[in-house]
Amino acid sequence: MEEFLHYIIALSGDQTIGRWLVIMFFSCSVFALVVALYFLFFGLYNPVKKRLQSMSDNNNNKDDSRFFRNTAVQLGNYFVIRERVGEKLNHDRERLLQAGYHTKNSLAHYFGIKILLTISLPLLIFLVCTTFIAGLDPKSLLLFVCSGFLVGFIGPSFYLDSKVTERKRIIRNAFPDAVDQLIVCTEAGLGLDAALQRIARDTSLSNEVMGYELGLVNAELRAGVIRDQALRNLVTRTGVEDIRGLTSALAQSMRFGTSIGATLRIFAEDLRDKRMQNAEQEAAKLTVKMLFPLAFCFFPGIFIVILGPAIISIYAAFAQ
């Protein structure tokens, strides 16, 4: 306590201001701790929620992960605004869908983890620095604490973006094969709904993510959702522009009564051309990307092998 008081006074430059800052800091910390404990115990010991959760959760989940998940969900529920039916999803919920988190409490879980990390990381860094690092400058301590605050606040967003990018890449790689299978099924005489069911069953063997998304489309169709809305939901969950183009092509084909097989074949040709253009674009970038490994890894070794004996000979000649 005395060390923390000395740090704040030295940082502020005035003893009175430093004492007031310490009082404000501990008041906010105690308030946040009391609110967090209230949310925690209210969520854990509410008999209705506890029974509903025990009936809905899987028996294979561990107690520690369930405890952490419940704490994060209870904290995040107070910062989540529930969307109405038919309302456009907000940006964070759409990102969670594209990352593969489809549960109803995913947004609350995300906000809860962000709040816990934002509060706990600065406190943990402060305790570690004041306990194990002696004579640390107050400005350096403040820099470390602010860095922990930023990492706790921005870190989950970066992790979510990486999950979204990875999932989009997996779906984008499996999508052309699914389109080819859809063409074969429709030209063989199957309807679009039956073809989607067959593709979802076959694709799940090679690509679980694509098979899971197509399985959700089939589940929505069986539940009574119209086909256009189910395909638009697929676009929202994946965020892949190629699937958006397929959805638009199928909607136009069904609206104007044209052949679905011919539409899919034209779309597949355009998709192959786009993949070839993307491959050529990536190949054109290789020359620039190889510049830095050549300059910093290969060229020094080549220069040493070629110029090394000559430099040694020149140095020996000048030495004599």
Foldseek 3Di string as FASTA:
>chain_A
DVVQLVLQCVVVVHNVVSVVVVVVVVVVVVVVVVVLVVLLCCQCPPVVNPVVCVVPDDPPDDPVVVSLQSSQLSQLVVVDDDDDPPDDDDDVVLLCLLLPNDDPSPRSNLNSQLVCQLPPQLVVLLVCCVPPPPPDHSVVNVVNSVVSNCCSNCVSVVVSVVSNVVSLVLCLVCVLVLLVQQLVCVVVPDDNLVSLVVSLVVVCVPRVSNSVLSVQLNVCVVVPDDNLVSLVVSCSSNVHVLSVVLSVLVVVCVVVVHRPSVSSVVSSVVVVVVVVVVVVVVVVCVVVVVPVCCVPPVVVVVCCVPCVVVVVVVVVVVVD
